[in-house]
């Protein structure tokens, strides 16, 4: 009887051990899934539309281009939530989620001047110019990023990957502020704002990134990505300047589930 119980006990132990190993192998072969928080920023290369109502000097109004008198910049930062699901071989990942983006663009005087001139009104009796130091605009977007990640190397503490993605965004708010050379001119704020077009209600961009992740088994994964570059493929305009492409950094933290 004792020998029979001993045999049964040993058999059950080996059976449970075998089931455990099999279950662990099956679990490891399952697709990995993550949910995480992201944050990043980008600087865009941009150009100034040929505004005929902007010049550097009243005497030369009607000749030259606005680009001769203005500096411009567009930058943006964003935060969001993303999920990722990977293939069973852990080589490819598909990511998507929601992203809030704040875009900031501005037009300013060139480095060698204190202001630029903007033609406000012109008729047979009079011509009115305004002296302006800076026009800046903030636009808020809600978007959906879609990304494909490729990890050519085996999992380890530091793992290199490449990524291609696209973002589809919708404008939810926009605001323009004008900084006049003379504060008494602030009564013309609306007149200046109305000379510029509204930002696009939607825009689409594509981007390529190289990233590194720091990961521990069954613990959060930290990803750092260099975006090089991103490019707009739709008629995206901040309303002030034309953005072309950009570079940036992104940090995201993922939790397996």
Protein backbone atom coordinates (compact mmCIF):
# COMPACT_ATOMS: atom_id res chain seq x y z
CA UNK A 1 0.00 0.00 0.00
CA UNK A 2 2.80 2.38 0.93
CA UNK A 3 4.65 1.64 -2.30
CA UNK A 4 1.46 2.25 -4.29
CA UNK A 5 0.89 5.62 -2.61
CA UNK A 6 4.53 6.54 -3.18
CA UNK A 7 4.25 5.64 -6.86
CA UNK A 8 1.03 7.65 -7.24
CA UNK A 9 2.61 10.64 -5.46
CA UNK A 10 5.69 10.58 -7.69
CA UNK A 11 3.52 10.15 -10.78
CA UNK A 12 1.31 13.13 -9.82
CA UNK A 13 4.35 15.30 -9.10
CA UNK A 14 5.91 14.53 -12.47
CA UNK A 15 2.53 15.02 -14.18
CA UNK A 16 2.00 18.43 -12.56
CA UNK A 17 5.59 19.40 -13.38
CA UNK A 18 5.06 18.37 -17.02
CA UNK A 19 1.76 20.26 -17.22
CA UNK A 20 3.45 23.33 -15.76
CA UNK A 21 6.28 23.24 -18.31
CA UNK A 22 3.79 22.73 -21.15
CA UNK A 23 1.61 25.57 -19.93
CA UNK A 24 4.62 27.88 -19.57
CA UNK A 25 5.77 27.08 -23.14
CA UNK A 26 2.27 27.75 -24.46
CA UNK A 27 2.11 31.02 -22.54
CA UNK A 28 5.44 32.08 -23.97
CA UNK A 29 4.21 31.36 -27.48
CA UNK A 30 1.16 33.57 -27.05
CA UNK A 31 1.15 36.96 -28.67
CA UNK A 32 2.55 39.60 -26.34
CA UNK A 33 0.24 42.53 -25.63
CA UNK A 34 1.05 45.89 -24.08
CA UNK A 35 -0.73 49.07 -23.10
CA UNK A 36 1.22 52.23 -22.43
CA UNK A 37 1.63 55.98 -22.11
CA UNK A 38 3.56 58.05 -24.67
CA UNK A 39 4.95 61.57 -24.80
CA UNK A 40 7.07 63.30 -27.42
CA UNK A 41 7.97 66.46 -29.32
CA UNK A 42 8.92 67.49 -32.85
CA UNK A 43 10.48 70.48 -34.58
CA UNK A 44 9.26 71.15 -38.12
CA UNK A 45 11.01 72.73 -41.05
CA UNK A 46 8.62 75.33 -42.47
CA UNK A 47 8.36 78.12 -44.99
CA UNK A 48 6.44 81.40 -45.05
CA UNK A 49 3.67 81.86 -47.62
CA UNK A 50 4.14 84.85 -49.89
CA UNK A 51 2.02 87.28 -47.88
CA UNK A 52 1.63 90.39 -50.01
CA UNK A 53 0.52 92.42 -46.98
CA UNK A 54 3.79 91.88 -45.06
CA UNK A 55 6.97 93.83 -45.78
CA UNK A 56 10.06 94.99 -43.97
CA UNK A 57 9.84 98.63 -44.95
CA UNK A 58 6.94 100.84 -46.03
CA UNK A 59 8.97 102.45 -48.83
CA UNK A 60 9.43 99.11 -50.55
CA UNK A 61 5.95 97.77 -50.11
CA UNK A 62 4.89 96.04 -53.28
CA UNK A 63 8.31 94.48 -53.97
CA UNK A 64 10.17 91.57 -52.45
CA UNK A 65 8.70 88.71 -50.42
CA UNK A 66 7.54 88.23 -46.84
CA UNK A 67 10.21 85.56 -46.42
CA UNK A 68 12.86 88.27 -46.63
CA UNK A 69 11.67 89.88 -43.40
CA UNK A 70 10.37 87.03 -41.25
CA UNK A 71 11.59 84.11 -39.20
CA UNK A 72 9.26 81.17 -38.65
CA UNK A 73 9.10 77.99 -36.59
CA UNK A 74 6.62 75.22 -35.95
CA UNK A 75 7.01 72.85 -33.02
CA UNK A 76 4.65 70.40 -31.36
CA UNK A 77 4.45 68.12 -28.36
CA UNK A 78 2.01 65.33 -27.65
CA UNK A 79 0.82 62.80 -25.10
CA UNK A 80 -1.25 59.69 -25.67
CA UNK A 81 -2.21 56.12 -24.87
CA UNK A 82 -1.28 53.21 -27.14
CA UNK A 83 -1.72 49.47 -27.23
CA UNK A 84 0.62 47.03 -28.96
CA UNK A 85 0.12 43.45 -30.09
CA UNK A 86 3.08 41.42 -31.35
CA UNK A 87 3.40 38.45 -33.66
CA UNK A 88 4.10 35.08 -32.05
CA UNK A 89 7.75 35.21 -33.06
CA UNK A 90 8.05 38.57 -31.24
CA UNK A 91 9.53 40.26 -34.33
CA UNK A 92 6.70 42.60 -35.37
CA UNK A 93 4.40 44.83 -33.35
CA UNK A 94 1.23 46.69 -34.36
CA UNK A 95 0.48 49.80 -32.30
CA UNK A 96 -2.49 52.17 -32.23
CA UNK A 97 -4.30 54.42 -29.77
CA UNK A 98 -5.22 58.06 -29.16
CA UNK A 99 -2.98 61.12 -29.13
CA UNK A 100 -3.41 64.76 -28.07
CA UNK A 101 -1.11 67.18 -29.92
CA UNK A 102 -0.40 70.86 -29.20
CA UNK A 103 1.10 72.63 -32.22
CA UNK A 104 2.78 76.03 -31.82
CA UNK A 105 3.83 78.10 -34.85
CA UNK A 106 4.98 81.68 -35.11
CA UNK A 107 6.03 84.46 -37.43
CA UNK A 108 8.51 86.96 -36.03
CA UNK A 109 10.75 89.80 -37.09
CA UNK A 110 14.10 88.83 -38.56
CA UNK A 111 17.18 88.97 -36.35
CA UNK A 112 18.35 92.31 -37.72
CA UNK A 113 15.12 94.28 -37.10
CA UNK A 114 12.80 95.15 -34.21
CA UNK A 115 9.54 94.65 -36.10
CA UNK A 116 7.96 94.12 -39.50
CA UNK A 117 5.21 96.06 -41.26
CA UNK A 118 1.77 94.67 -41.96
CA UNK A 119 -0.61 96.50 -44.29
CA UNK A 120 -3.93 96.87 -42.48
CA UNK A 121 -6.07 99.02 -44.78
CA UNK A 122 -5.53 100.84 -48.06
CA UNK A 123 -7.82 103.07 -50.07
CA UNK A 124 -7.72 106.25 -52.16
CA UNK A 125 -7.51 108.46 -49.05
CA UNK A 126 -5.06 106.64 -46.79
CA UNK A 127 -2.86 103.63 -46.23
CA UNK A 128 -2.48 102.18 -42.73
CA UNK A 129 0.45 100.02 -41.60
CA UNK A 130 0.96 98.22 -38.29
CA UNK A 131 4.31 97.44 -36.69
CA UNK A 132 4.41 93.88 -35.33
CA UNK A 133 7.03 91.92 -33.40
CA UNK A 134 5.45 88.48 -33.29
CA UNK A 135 2.39 86.50 -34.39
CA UNK A 136 2.02 83.08 -32.79
CA UNK A 137 -0.63 80.42 -32.96
CA UNK A 138 -1.56 77.40 -30.84
CA UNK A 139 -3.59 74.56 -32.35
CA UNK A 140 -4.87 71.49 -30.53
CA UNK A 141 -5.49 68.16 -32.28
CA UNK A 142 -6.87 64.76 -31.35
CA UNK A 143 -5.37 61.99 -33.45
CA UNK A 144 -5.03 58.26 -34.03
CA UNK A 145 -1.48 56.97 -34.57
CA UNK A 146 -0.96 53.65 -36.39
CA UNK A 147 2.54 52.15 -36.23
CA UNK A 148 4.34 48.98 -37.31
CA UNK A 149 7.44 48.04 -35.34
CA UNK A 150 10.12 45.57 -36.47
CA UNK A 151 12.55 44.08 -33.94
CA UNK A 152 15.24 42.14 -35.84
CA UNK A 153 17.18 40.96 -32.79
CA UNK A 154 16.31 38.51 -30.04
CA UNK A 155 14.84 39.85 -26.78
CA UNK A 156 17.44 41.19 -24.37
CA UNK A 157 17.78 43.99 -21.85
CA UNK A 158 18.40 46.56 -24.62
CA UNK A 159 16.72 45.85 -27.94
CA UNK A 160 16.97 47.88 -31.15
CA UNK A 161 13.97 48.27 -33.46
CA UNK A 162 12.76 50.31 -36.43
CA UNK A 163 9.28 51.68 -36.90
CA UNK A 164 7.08 53.27 -39.55
CA UNK A 165 3.87 55.06 -38.66
CA UNK A 166 1.13 57.43 -39.69
CA UNK A 167 -1.06 59.83 -37.73
CA UNK A 168 -4.59 60.98 -38.59
CA UNK A 169 -5.60 64.06 -36.59
CA UNK A 170 -8.57 66.40 -36.17
CA UNK A 171 -8.47 70.03 -35.04
CA UNK A 172 -10.36 70.76 -31.79
CA UNK A 173 -9.15 74.27 -30.97
CA UNK A 174 -6.98 77.10 -32.31
CA UNK A 175 -5.93 80.54 -31.09
CA UNK A 176 -3.76 83.36 -32.53
CA UNK A 177 -2.02 86.10 -30.58
CA UNK A 178 -0.41 89.25 -32.03
CA UNK A 179 2.43 91.04 -30.24
CA UNK A 180 2.50 94.64 -31.50
CA UNK A 181 5.55 96.90 -31.34
CA UNK A 182 3.29 99.57 -29.86
CA UNK A 183 0.73 98.42 -27.27
CA UNK A 184 -1.69 101.11 -28.48
CA UNK A 185 -2.11 99.05 -31.67
CA UNK A 186 -3.71 96.12 -29.80
CA UNK A 187 -7.15 97.35 -30.85
CA UNK A 188 -6.26 96.00 -34.32
CA UNK A 189 -5.72 92.44 -33.08
CA UNK A 190 -8.81 91.04 -34.82
CA UNK A 191 -7.98 92.84 -38.06
CA UNK A 192 -4.58 91.14 -38.18
CA UNK A 193 -5.96 87.70 -37.24
CA UNK A 194 -8.56 87.85 -39.99
CA UNK A 195 -5.85 88.22 -42.63
CA UNK A 196 -4.64 84.65 -42.01
CA UNK A 197 -6.38 81.45 -42.97
CA UNK A 198 -7.78 79.04 -40.41
CA UNK A 199 -5.71 75.93 -39.63
CA UNK A 200 -6.69 72.77 -41.50
CA UNK A 201 -9.36 70.79 -39.65
CA UNK A 202 -7.54 67.53 -40.42
CA UNK A 203 -4.03 66.47 -41.27
CA UNK A 204 -2.13 63.28 -41.99
CA UNK A 205 1.56 62.67 -41.42
CA UNK A 206 3.90 59.71 -41.87
CA UNK A 207 7.10 59.10 -39.97
CA UNK A 208 10.03 56.75 -39.59
CA UNK A 209 11.75 56.05 -36.28
CA UNK A 210 14.65 54.16 -34.77
CA UNK A 211 14.12 53.04 -31.20
CA UNK A 212 15.64 51.23 -28.26
CA UNK A 213 13.67 49.48 -25.56
CA UNK A 214 14.70 48.58 -22.06
CA UNK A 215 12.74 45.58 -20.89
CA UNK A 216 12.54 43.08 -18.07
CA UNK A 217 10.44 39.93 -18.19
CA UNK A 218 6.88 40.57 -16.93
CA UNK A 219 7.78 44.19 -16.05
CA UNK A 220 7.14 47.56 -17.76
CA UNK A 221 9.03 48.22 -21.01
CA UNK A 222 10.61 51.64 -21.62
CA UNK A 223 10.98 52.76 -25.26
CA UNK A 224 12.96 55.74 -26.56
CA UNK A 225 12.51 56.64 -30.24
CA UNK A 226 14.26 59.09 -32.54
CA UNK A 227 11.87 60.26 -35.26
CA UNK A 228 13.92 60.82 -38.43
CA UNK A 229 11.98 62.18 -40.19
CA UNK A 230 8.25 62.89 -40.25
CA UNK A 231 6.50 64.37 -43.28
CA UNK A 232 3.06 65.78 -44.02
CA UNK A 233 1.22 64.06 -46.88
CA UNK A 234 -1.98 66.10 -46.69
CA UNK A 235 -2.72 69.79 -47.01
CA UNK A 236 -1.73 70.60 -43.45
CA UNK A 237 -1.32 74.24 -42.53
CA UNK A 238 -1.11 75.90 -39.14
CA UNK A 239 -2.78 78.92 -40.70
CA UNK A 240 0.43 80.97 -40.43
CA UNK A 241 3.16 78.92 -42.09
CA UNK A 242 3.58 75.81 -44.21
CA UNK A 243 5.10 72.86 -42.34
CA UNK A 244 7.10 70.42 -44.46
CA UNK A 245 8.87 67.79 -42.36
CA UNK A 246 10.43 67.39 -38.96
CA UNK A 247 12.47 65.44 -36.44
CA UNK A 248 11.78 64.61 -32.82
CA UNK A 249 11.95 62.28 -29.84
CA UNK A 250 9.34 60.04 -28.26
CA UNK A 251 9.30 58.24 -24.91
CA UNK A 252 6.73 55.59 -24.04
CA UNK A 253 6.27 53.19 -21.17
CA UNK A 254 4.41 49.91 -21.79
CA UNK A 255 2.85 47.46 -19.36
CA UNK A 256 2.25 43.86 -20.49
CA UNK A 257 -1.25 42.42 -20.08
